[in-house]
């Protein structure tokens, strides 16, 4: 079994990925979340971080005008992020965040704010 990722490194990668999402540097955000995913030992954590990596990849494809791939990646991200089962307000914030991105991606429109909502970021930071 893999050792648990150092909490300080996990927090750094999460915060960096969130900052990069907010600044629309989606490929770099994908890389930060991918590092989290590859370092995670528990399947639930792997689903969470892989889902965020797939979300960022969907946004890369959206920006590259590849709607079919963007929609497919967003659906995979949603499935993994739902499987991670964030509790309470964090789970609701995740659903709302994904819903806000789904329409513009599907309709090939400009994206709304891509930063993670504060309540969602806090719920992600609480993941051990």
C-alpha atoms as a PDB file:
ATOM      1  CA  UNK A   1       0.000   0.000   0.000  1.00  0.00           C
ATOM      2  CA  UNK A   2       1.254   3.483  -0.847  1.00  0.00           C
ATOM      3  CA  UNK A   3       2.161   5.740   2.047  1.00  0.00           C
ATOM      4  CA  UNK A   4      -0.217   8.574   2.723  1.00  0.00           C
ATOM      5  CA  UNK A   5       0.676  11.834   0.998  1.00  0.00           C
ATOM      6  CA  UNK A   6       2.206  14.435   3.275  1.00  0.00           C
ATOM      7  CA  UNK A   7      -0.663  16.708   4.418  1.00  0.00           C
ATOM      8  CA  UNK A   8       1.326  19.882   3.659  1.00  0.00           C
ATOM      9  CA  UNK A   9       2.040  18.695   0.111  1.00  0.00           C
ATOM     10  CA  UNK A  10      -1.605  17.666  -0.362  1.00  0.00           C
ATOM     11  CA  UNK A  11      -2.754  21.114   0.778  1.00  0.00           C
ATOM     12  CA  UNK A  12      -0.211  22.834  -1.491  1.00  0.00           C
ATOM     13  CA  UNK A  13      -1.244  20.831  -4.566  1.00  0.00           C
ATOM     14  CA  UNK A  14      -4.940  21.364  -3.862  1.00  0.00           C
ATOM     15  CA  UNK A  15      -4.534  25.096  -3.333  1.00  0.00           C
ATOM     16  CA  UNK A  16      -2.320  25.364  -6.413  1.00  0.00           C
ATOM     17  CA  UNK A  17      -4.844  23.453  -8.531  1.00  0.00           C
ATOM     18  CA  UNK A  18      -7.672  25.654  -7.241  1.00  0.00           C
ATOM     19  CA  UNK A  19      -5.663  28.832  -7.944  1.00  0.00           C
ATOM     20  CA  UNK A  20      -4.887  27.640 -11.452  1.00  0.00           C
ATOM     21  CA  UNK A  21      -8.541  26.770 -12.128  1.00  0.00           C
ATOM     22  CA  UNK A  22      -9.577  30.246 -11.011  1.00  0.00           C
ATOM     23  CA  UNK A  23      -6.969  31.855 -13.273  1.00  0.00           C
ATOM     24  CA  UNK A  24      -8.079  29.626 -16.184  1.00  0.00           C
ATOM     25  CA  UNK A  25      -4.760  27.860 -16.473  1.00  0.00           C
ATOM     26  CA  UNK A  26      -6.550  24.578 -16.880  1.00  0.00           C
ATOM     27  CA  UNK A  27      -3.677  22.406 -18.100  1.00  0.00           C
ATOM     28  CA  UNK A  28      -1.510  23.369 -15.121  1.00  0.00           C
ATOM     29  CA  UNK A  29      -4.490  22.767 -12.788  1.00  0.00           C
ATOM     30  CA  UNK A  30      -4.877  19.341 -14.348  1.00  0.00           C
ATOM     31  CA  UNK A  31      -1.225  18.595 -13.556  1.00  0.00           C
ATOM     32  CA  UNK A  32      -1.594  19.630  -9.897  1.00  0.00           C
ATOM     33  CA  UNK A  33      -4.700  17.469  -9.433  1.00  0.00           C
ATOM     34  CA  UNK A  34      -3.035  14.604 -11.301  1.00  0.00           C
ATOM     35  CA  UNK A  35      -0.137  14.721  -8.825  1.00  0.00           C
ATOM     36  CA  UNK A  36      -2.671  14.395  -5.996  1.00  0.00           C
ATOM     37  CA  UNK A  37      -4.431  11.535  -7.752  1.00  0.00           C
ATOM     38  CA  UNK A  38      -1.248   9.577  -8.339  1.00  0.00           C
ATOM     39  CA  UNK A  39      -0.098  10.045  -4.732  1.00  0.00           C
ATOM     40  CA  UNK A  40      -3.404   9.021  -3.118  1.00  0.00           C
ATOM     41  CA  UNK A  41      -3.596   5.602  -1.498  1.00  0.00           C
ATOM     42  CA  UNK A  42      -7.329   5.249  -0.777  1.00  0.00           C
ATOM     43  CA  UNK A  43      -9.666   4.644  -3.730  1.00  0.00           C
ATOM     44  CA  UNK A  44     -12.110   7.300  -2.524  1.00  0.00           C
ATOM     45  CA  UNK A  45      -9.316   9.894  -2.523  1.00  0.00           C
ATOM     46  CA  UNK A  46      -8.065   8.696  -5.904  1.00  0.00           C
ATOM     47  CA  UNK A  47     -11.588   9.170  -7.312  1.00  0.00           C
ATOM     48  CA  UNK A  48     -11.764  12.673  -5.901  1.00  0.00           C
ATOM     49  CA  UNK A  49      -8.414  13.881  -7.225  1.00  0.00           C
ATOM     50  CA  UNK A  50      -8.785  12.067 -10.547  1.00  0.00           C
ATOM     51  CA  UNK A  51     -12.217  13.644 -10.924  1.00  0.00           C
ATOM     52  CA  UNK A  52     -10.725  17.099 -10.417  1.00  0.00           C
ATOM     53  CA  UNK A  53      -7.967  16.283 -12.924  1.00  0.00           C
ATOM     54  CA  UNK A  54     -10.617  15.185 -15.433  1.00  0.00           C
ATOM     55  CA  UNK A  55     -12.611  18.343 -14.781  1.00  0.00           C
ATOM     56  CA  UNK A  56      -9.560  20.478 -15.548  1.00  0.00           C
ATOM     57  CA  UNK A  57      -8.906  18.373 -18.666  1.00  0.00           C
ATOM     58  CA  UNK A  58     -12.506  18.957 -19.790  1.00  0.00           C
ATOM     59  CA  UNK A  59     -11.901  22.696 -19.496  1.00  0.00           C
ATOM     60  CA  UNK A  60      -8.701  22.353 -21.557  1.00  0.00           C
ATOM     61  CA  UNK A  61     -10.695  20.595 -24.273  1.00  0.00           C
ATOM     62  CA  UNK A  62     -13.462  23.198 -24.074  1.00  0.00           C
ATOM     63  CA  UNK A  63     -10.900  25.955 -24.620  1.00  0.00           C
ATOM     64  CA  UNK A  64      -9.453  23.956 -27.511  1.00  0.00           C
ATOM     65  CA  UNK A  65     -12.885  23.770 -29.130  1.00  0.00           C
ATOM     66  CA  UNK A  66     -13.163  20.018 -28.726  1.00  0.00           C
ATOM     67  CA  UNK A  67     -16.738  19.813 -27.405  1.00  0.00           C
ATOM     68  CA  UNK A  68     -17.227  16.052 -27.691  1.00  0.00           C
ATOM     69  CA  UNK A  69     -14.100  15.328 -25.668  1.00  0.00           C
ATOM     70  CA  UNK A  70     -14.897  18.089 -23.169  1.00  0.00           C
ATOM     71  CA  UNK A  71     -18.395  16.700 -22.578  1.00  0.00           C
ATOM     72  CA  UNK A  72     -17.055  13.148 -22.203  1.00  0.00           C
ATOM     73  CA  UNK A  73     -14.383  14.223 -19.699  1.00  0.00           C
ATOM     74  CA  UNK A  74     -16.881  16.280 -17.722  1.00  0.00           C
ATOM     75  CA  UNK A  75     -19.185  13.245 -17.458  1.00  0.00           C
ATOM     76  CA  UNK A  76     -16.276  11.095 -16.213  1.00  0.00           C
ATOM     77  CA  UNK A  77     -15.307  13.815 -13.744  1.00  0.00           C
ATOM     78  CA  UNK A  78     -18.859  14.042 -12.429  1.00  0.00           C
ATOM     79  CA  UNK A  79     -19.004  10.267 -11.952  1.00  0.00           C
ATOM     80  CA  UNK A  80     -15.742  10.175  -9.991  1.00  0.00           C
ATOM     81  CA  UNK A  81     -16.520  13.280  -7.949  1.00  0.00           C
ATOM     82  CA  UNK A  82     -19.930  11.891  -7.051  1.00  0.00           C
ATOM     83  CA  UNK A  83     -18.317   8.581  -6.037  1.00  0.00           C
ATOM     84  CA  UNK A  84     -16.044  10.503  -3.651  1.00  0.00           C
ATOM     85  CA  UNK A  85     -19.158  11.519  -1.674  1.00  0.00           C
ATOM     86  CA  UNK A  86     -18.193  14.855  -0.173  1.00  0.00           C
ATOM     87  CA  UNK A  87     -20.437  15.433   2.804  1.00  0.00           C
ATOM     88  CA  UNK A  88     -22.871  18.253   3.570  1.00  0.00           C
ATOM     89  CA  UNK A  89     -22.376  21.652   1.991  1.00  0.00           C
ATOM     90  CA  UNK A  90     -19.244  20.461   0.182  1.00  0.00           C
ATOM     91  CA  UNK A  91     -21.198  17.852  -1.767  1.00  0.00           C
ATOM     92  CA  UNK A  92     -23.925  20.332  -2.643  1.00  0.00           C
ATOM     93  CA  UNK A  93     -21.308  22.893  -3.710  1.00  0.00           C
ATOM     94  CA  UNK A  94     -19.614  20.297  -5.929  1.00  0.00           C
ATOM     95  CA  UNK A  95     -22.896  19.490  -7.652  1.00  0.00           C
ATOM     96  CA  UNK A  96     -23.708  23.175  -8.180  1.00  0.00           C
ATOM     97  CA  UNK A  97     -20.196  23.870  -9.500  1.00  0.00           C
ATOM     98  CA  UNK A  98     -20.374  21.016 -12.016  1.00  0.00           C
ATOM     99  CA  UNK A  99     -23.882  22.055 -13.078  1.00  0.00           C
ATOM    100  CA  UNK A 100     -22.697  25.635 -13.685  1.00  0.00           C
ATOM    101  CA  UNK A 101     -19.985  24.365 -16.037  1.00  0.00           C
ATOM    102  CA  UNK A 102     -22.023  21.675 -17.813  1.00  0.00           C
ATOM    103  CA  UNK A 103     -24.320  23.977 -19.794  1.00  0.00           C
ATOM    104  CA  UNK A 104     -21.624  26.228 -21.240  1.00  0.00           C
ATOM    105  CA  UNK A 105     -19.452  23.226 -22.091  1.00  0.00           C
ATOM    106  CA  UNK A 106     -22.313  21.376 -23.796  1.00  0.00           C
ATOM    107  CA  UNK A 107     -23.425  24.498 -25.670  1.00  0.00           C
ATOM    108  CA  UNK A 108     -19.870  25.591 -26.549  1.00  0.00           C
ATOM    109  CA  UNK A 109     -20.339  28.908 -24.766  1.00  0.00           C
ATOM    110  CA  UNK A 110     -18.033  31.040 -22.662  1.00  0.00           C
ATOM    111  CA  UNK A 111     -17.392  29.558 -19.245  1.00  0.00           C
ATOM    112  CA  UNK A 112     -18.573  31.209 -16.041  1.00  0.00           C
ATOM    113  CA  UNK A 113     -16.149  31.739 -13.156  1.00  0.00           C
ATOM    114  CA  UNK A 114     -14.090  28.546 -12.962  1.00  0.00           C
ATOM    115  CA  UNK A 115     -12.762  29.074  -9.440  1.00  0.00           C
ATOM    116  CA  UNK A 116     -13.781  26.494  -6.864  1.00  0.00           C
ATOM    117  CA  UNK A 117     -16.423  27.907  -4.503  1.00  0.00           C
ATOM    118  CA  UNK A 118     -15.042  28.594  -1.029  1.00  0.00           C
ATOM    119  CA  UNK A 119     -17.266  26.016   0.691  1.00  0.00           C
ATOM    120  CA  UNK A 120     -16.156  23.386  -1.826  1.00  0.00           C
ATOM    121  CA  UNK A 121     -12.488  24.240  -1.403  1.00  0.00           C
ATOM    122  CA  UNK A 122     -12.861  23.984   2.372  1.00  0.00           C
ATOM    123  CA  UNK A 123     -14.526  20.562   2.028  1.00  0.00           C
ATOM    124  CA  UNK A 124     -11.682  19.405  -0.223  1.00  0.00           C
ATOM    125  CA  UNK A 125      -9.106  20.667   2.272  1.00  0.00           C
ATOM    126  CA  UNK A 126     -10.809  18.559   4.978  1.00  0.00           C
ATOM    127  CA  UNK A 127     -10.226  15.331   3.035  1.00  0.00           C
ATOM    128  CA  UNK A 128      -7.560  13.299   4.823  1.00  0.00           C
END
